[in-house]
Amino acid sequence: MNNEDLKKYWQTIEQLPFNGWDFSYMCNRWRQDELPWSYSRLVREHLSKEMDLLDMGTGGGELLLTFEHPYHQTTVTEGWRPNYRLLKETLQPLGAKVVFVAEDDQLKFPKDSFDIVLNSHESYDLTEVSRVLRPGGLFITQQVGDQNGRALSQKLFNNVQRQRIDWSLETAKKALLKENFDILFAAESFLAQHFLDMEGLIYYIKRIPWEYPNFSVETHFEALLDRQKELCEKGFISNQQHRFILIGKLMDL
């Protein structure tokens, strides 16, 4: 396949539809180290049926549904319109409350509304989280750290510097302690991530534009050719993930 035909083919991959947070297309197209903890297991250990639950940045709701929490005690927020519309169609008819929240520093709920706030890979304003939590309430968050995807970003964008942010377990933990949370659990991990074909690489990059802004096959074709060379030489394209998790209990003043 010549380069022009290859570019056209790769462009069909970047235009594939994507709903919710469904990465089933990536099956057998990538390999990732497993986290040394399980977010789902930790949530289940702390979540009880009588709790009023807020799930921030629910995405398509796939993860939330696995917790099987009573819908009438479940509230979710989402800031991406396609996912918000999807949640209105799927979760709201079941009895869950679905709220559009574009800015995480403006949670549209009264003070002391929830017993537990869940947050998986969503930004948050800790002042707002503590405001809507009842005293003794729990905040469970798994976050993407500032080193996530940096290796791949350097390969794709050459000498373009990513905006420097300080987002790690240490930073987030200090903030929770300052906001009067007791830390119940904390962990951090740096994980190898390998893409096994170009289709998977392109599909993945296009699904997380906040991580790889302004990327397209057209504008980054030469960089993609370099990644294809890496794939042929090593059998995979390497990247690194950065994750951390915190469970905090809001102390009663």
Protein backbone atom coordinates (compact mmCIF):
# COMPACT_ATOMS: atom_id res chain seq x y z
CA MET A 1 0.00 0.00 0.00
CA ASN A 2 1.48 3.37 -1.00
CA ASN A 3 1.51 6.28 1.42
CA GLU A 4 -1.48 8.04 -0.10
CA ASP A 5 -3.66 4.94 0.15
CA LEU A 6 -2.35 4.29 3.66
CA LYS A 7 -3.28 7.81 4.73
CA LYS A 8 -6.81 7.39 3.36
CA TYR A 9 -7.17 4.09 5.18
CA TRP A 10 -5.96 5.53 8.48
CA GLN A 11 -8.40 8.41 8.04
CA THR A 12 -11.27 5.93 7.94
CA ILE A 13 -10.11 4.68 11.36
CA GLU A 14 -10.06 8.14 12.93
CA GLN A 15 -13.63 8.70 11.70
CA LEU A 16 -15.09 5.60 13.34
CA PRO A 17 -18.03 6.37 15.69
CA PHE A 18 -17.59 6.28 19.44
CA ASN A 19 -20.35 6.11 22.07
CA GLY A 20 -20.10 6.43 25.82
CA TRP A 21 -16.79 5.03 27.06
CA ASP A 22 -16.81 1.84 25.02
CA PHE A 23 -13.34 0.71 23.93
CA SER A 24 -14.42 -2.70 22.64
CA TYR A 25 -12.78 -1.85 19.29
CA MET A 26 -9.45 -2.02 21.12
CA CYS A 27 -9.84 -5.70 21.99
CA ASN A 28 -6.60 -7.46 20.92
CA ARG A 29 -5.23 -4.14 19.69
CA TRP A 30 -3.45 -3.14 22.88
CA ARG A 31 -1.86 -4.59 25.97
CA GLN A 32 -1.76 -2.82 29.31
CA ASP A 33 -0.32 -3.59 32.72
CA GLU A 34 -2.98 -4.16 35.36
CA LEU A 35 -3.35 -1.76 38.24
CA PRO A 36 -2.29 -3.13 41.63
CA TRP A 37 -5.71 -2.12 42.99
CA SER A 38 -9.28 -2.45 41.75
CA TYR A 39 -11.36 0.74 41.71
CA SER A 40 -14.55 -1.30 41.35
CA ARG A 41 -13.70 -3.55 44.29
CA LEU A 42 -12.82 -0.61 46.52
CA VAL A 43 -16.08 1.14 45.64
CA ARG A 44 -18.08 -1.98 46.47
CA GLU A 45 -16.28 -2.32 49.80
CA HIS A 46 -17.38 1.18 50.84
CA LEU A 47 -20.75 1.55 49.09
CA SER A 48 -23.93 0.46 50.88
CA LYS A 49 -27.50 0.47 49.59
CA GLU A 50 -28.76 3.21 51.90
CA MET A 51 -26.18 5.76 50.71
CA ASP A 52 -27.07 8.74 48.53
CA LEU A 53 -24.50 8.49 45.74
CA LEU A 54 -23.06 11.07 43.36
CA ASP A 55 -21.00 9.81 40.42
CA MET A 56 -19.02 12.56 38.71
CA GLY A 57 -18.25 12.34 34.99
CA THR A 58 -20.21 9.15 34.47
CA GLY A 59 -19.38 8.81 30.78
CA GLY A 60 -21.70 6.26 29.22
CA GLY A 61 -22.66 4.79 32.60
CA GLU A 62 -21.07 1.41 31.92
CA LEU A 63 -19.01 1.33 35.12
CA LEU A 64 -21.71 2.83 37.33
CA LEU A 65 -24.23 0.17 36.32
CA THR A 66 -21.93 -2.58 37.59
CA PHE A 67 -22.34 -1.27 41.15
CA GLU A 68 -26.09 -2.03 41.05
CA HIS A 69 -26.87 0.84 43.41
CA PRO A 70 -30.54 1.80 43.90
CA TYR A 71 -31.38 4.20 41.08
CA HIS A 72 -33.53 6.47 43.24
CA GLN A 73 -30.44 7.12 45.38
CA THR A 74 -28.13 7.69 42.42
CA THR A 75 -27.20 11.05 40.90
CA VAL A 76 -24.76 11.42 38.02
CA THR A 77 -23.07 14.37 36.35
CA GLU A 78 -21.70 14.57 32.83
CA GLY A 79 -20.14 17.46 30.93
CA TRP A 80 -19.88 16.04 27.42
CA ARG A 81 -23.13 16.51 25.51
CA PRO A 82 -23.15 13.18 23.60
CA ASN A 83 -22.70 11.23 26.84
CA TYR A 84 -25.22 13.43 28.64
CA ARG A 85 -27.85 12.65 26.00
CA LEU A 86 -27.00 8.96 26.24
CA LEU A 87 -27.42 8.99 30.04
CA LYS A 88 -30.77 10.77 29.73
CA GLU A 89 -31.92 7.91 27.51
CA THR A 90 -30.49 5.06 29.58
CA LEU A 91 -30.16 5.99 33.27
CA GLN A 92 -32.90 8.56 33.76
CA PRO A 93 -35.78 6.22 32.83
CA LEU A 94 -34.49 3.83 35.52
CA GLY A 95 -34.89 6.50 38.20
CA ALA A 96 -31.40 8.00 38.42
CA LYS A 97 -30.98 11.77 38.37
CA VAL A 98 -28.86 12.98 35.44
CA VAL A 99 -27.37 16.49 35.65
CA PHE A 100 -25.30 18.34 33.05
CA VAL A 101 -22.27 19.93 34.72
CA ALA A 102 -19.90 21.77 32.42
CA GLU A 103 -17.70 23.15 35.21
CA ASP A 104 -16.70 20.93 38.13
CA ASP A 105 -16.34 23.95 40.41
CA GLN A 106 -20.11 24.43 40.20
CA LEU A 107 -21.88 21.29 41.38
CA LYS A 108 -25.59 22.07 41.25
CA PHE A 109 -26.57 20.47 44.53
CA PRO A 110 -27.32 21.75 48.05
CA LYS A 111 -24.82 21.41 50.86
CA ASP A 112 -24.66 17.97 52.53
CA SER A 113 -26.50 16.18 49.70
CA PHE A 114 -24.54 12.92 49.46
CA ASP A 115 -23.04 10.17 51.57
CA ILE A 116 -20.50 9.17 48.92
CA VAL A 117 -18.99 10.84 45.85
CA LEU A 118 -17.36 8.68 43.18
CA ASN A 119 -15.00 10.06 40.58
CA SER A 120 -13.19 7.95 38.01
CA HIS A 121 -10.88 9.92 35.71
CA GLU A 122 -12.88 13.15 36.03
CA SER A 123 -11.62 16.56 37.12
CA TYR A 124 -13.02 17.92 40.36
CA ASP A 125 -13.05 20.93 42.63
CA LEU A 126 -12.40 19.65 46.14
CA THR A 127 -14.18 22.59 47.77
CA GLU A 128 -17.34 21.64 45.90
CA VAL A 129 -16.92 17.94 46.67
CA SER A 130 -16.63 18.64 50.40
CA ARG A 131 -19.59 21.03 50.24
CA VAL A 132 -22.00 18.45 48.79
CA LEU A 133 -20.70 15.63 51.02
CA ARG A 134 -22.29 15.06 54.41
CA PRO A 135 -19.98 14.92 57.44
CA GLY A 136 -18.45 11.46 57.52
CA GLY A 137 -19.09 11.08 53.80
CA LEU A 138 -16.65 9.33 51.46
CA PHE A 139 -14.83 10.57 48.38
CA ILE A 140 -13.37 7.86 46.14
CA THR A 141 -11.41 9.05 43.14
CA GLN A 142 -9.13 7.39 40.62
CA GLN A 143 -7.18 9.92 38.60
CA VAL A 144 -4.97 10.14 35.53
CA GLY A 145 -1.63 11.60 36.63
CA ASP A 146 0.47 14.23 34.89
CA GLN A 147 2.91 11.69 33.42
CA ASN A 148 0.16 9.82 31.58
CA GLY A 149 0.75 9.47 27.85
CA ARG A 150 3.83 11.67 27.93
CA ALA A 151 5.99 9.10 26.13
CA LEU A 152 3.58 8.80 23.20
CA SER A 153 2.96 12.53 23.13
CA GLN A 154 6.67 13.19 22.69
CA LYS A 155 6.77 10.73 19.79
CA LEU A 156 3.80 12.29 18.01
CA PHE A 157 4.41 15.96 18.65
CA ASN A 158 8.22 15.97 18.53
CA ASN A 159 9.51 19.04 20.37
CA VAL A 160 6.13 20.55 21.20
CA GLN A 161 5.96 20.91 24.98
CA ARG A 162 2.82 19.74 26.73
CA GLN A 163 1.29 22.13 29.22
CA ARG A 164 2.96 21.36 32.53
CA ILE A 165 0.58 20.44 35.34
CA ASP A 166 1.35 19.09 38.77
CA TRP A 167 -1.11 16.25 39.28
CA SER A 168 0.06 13.28 41.29
CA LEU A 169 -0.85 11.30 44.39
CA GLU A 170 1.22 13.61 46.58
CA THR A 171 -0.46 16.75 45.23
CA ALA A 172 -4.00 15.39 45.51
CA LYS A 173 -3.39 13.87 48.94
CA LYS A 174 -2.13 17.17 50.35
CA ALA A 175 -5.26 18.89 49.05
CA LEU A 176 -7.56 16.35 50.71
CA LEU A 177 -5.80 16.71 54.04
CA LYS A 178 -6.07 20.49 53.81
CA GLU A 179 -9.80 20.17 53.10
CA ASN A 180 -10.30 18.16 56.32
CA PHE A 181 -10.40 14.67 54.83
CA ASP A 182 -9.00 11.64 56.61
CA ILE A 183 -7.11 9.46 54.11
CA LEU A 184 -8.38 5.86 54.19
CA PHE A 185 -6.49 4.56 51.16
CA ALA A 186 -3.90 5.95 48.74
CA ALA A 187 -1.88 4.37 45.94
CA GLU A 188 -0.08 5.35 42.73
CA SER A 189 1.19 3.35 39.75
CA PHE A 190 3.07 3.85 36.48
CA LEU A 191 2.01 1.26 33.91
CA ALA A 192 3.32 0.08 30.54
CA GLN A 193 0.90 0.42 27.64
CA HIS A 194 1.55 -1.23 24.26
CA PHE A 195 -0.39 -0.72 21.03
CA LEU A 196 -0.31 -3.79 18.81
CA ASP A 197 -1.45 -2.24 15.51
CA MET A 198 -1.82 1.18 13.92
CA GLU A 199 -5.60 0.97 13.87
CA GLY A 200 -5.70 0.68 17.64
CA LEU A 201 -3.23 3.52 18.10
CA ILE A 202 -5.17 5.94 15.88
CA TYR A 203 -8.55 4.96 17.33
CA TYR A 204 -7.28 5.48 20.88
CA ILE A 205 -5.65 8.85 20.23
CA LYS A 206 -8.76 10.27 18.58
CA ARG A 207 -10.92 9.23 21.55
CA ILE A 208 -8.98 11.30 24.09
CA PRO A 209 -8.36 14.70 22.42
CA TRP A 210 -7.57 16.34 25.77
CA GLU A 211 -4.49 14.10 25.96
CA TYR A 212 -3.44 14.53 22.31
CA PRO A 213 -4.90 17.88 21.16
CA ASN A 214 -5.16 18.83 17.49
CA PHE A 215 -4.12 15.38 16.33
CA SER A 216 -5.23 14.11 12.93
CA VAL A 217 -3.91 11.62 10.41
CA GLU A 218 -3.49 14.47 7.93
CA THR A 219 -1.38 16.70 10.18
CA HIS A 220 0.61 13.93 11.89
CA PHE A 221 1.06 11.48 9.04
CA GLU A 222 4.87 11.51 9.14
CA ALA A 223 4.86 10.87 12.89
CA LEU A 224 2.47 7.97 12.32
CA LEU A 225 4.83 6.51 9.73
CA ASP A 226 7.56 6.60 12.37
CA ARG A 227 5.25 4.79 14.78
CA GLN A 228 4.57 2.17 12.11
CA LYS A 229 8.32 1.65 11.87
CA GLU A 230 8.49 1.21 15.66
CA LEU A 231 5.67 -1.33 15.41
CA CYS A 232 7.52 -3.33 12.75
CA GLU A 233 10.77 -3.30 14.73
CA LYS A 234 9.43 -4.03 18.23
CA GLY A 235 6.03 -5.61 17.63
CA PHE A 236 4.31 -2.82 19.55
CA ILE A 237 4.22 0.94 20.09
CA SER A 238 5.11 1.80 23.66
CA ASN A 239 3.49 4.30 25.99
CA GLN A 240 3.17 4.80 29.74
CA GLN A 241 0.09 5.32 31.90
CA HIS A 242 0.02 7.14 35.24
CA ARG A 243 -2.77 6.42 37.72
CA PHE A 244 -3.45 7.13 41.37
CA ILE A 245 -6.36 6.52 43.70
CA LEU A 246 -7.53 8.13 46.93
CA ILE A 247 -10.29 7.36 49.40
CA GLY A 248 -11.02 10.17 51.82
CA LYS A 249 -13.52 10.53 54.64
CA LEU A 250 -14.80 14.03 55.33
CA MET A 251 -14.24 14.76 59.00
CA ASP A 252 -16.89 16.47 61.11
CA LEU A 253 -15.68 19.91 62.18
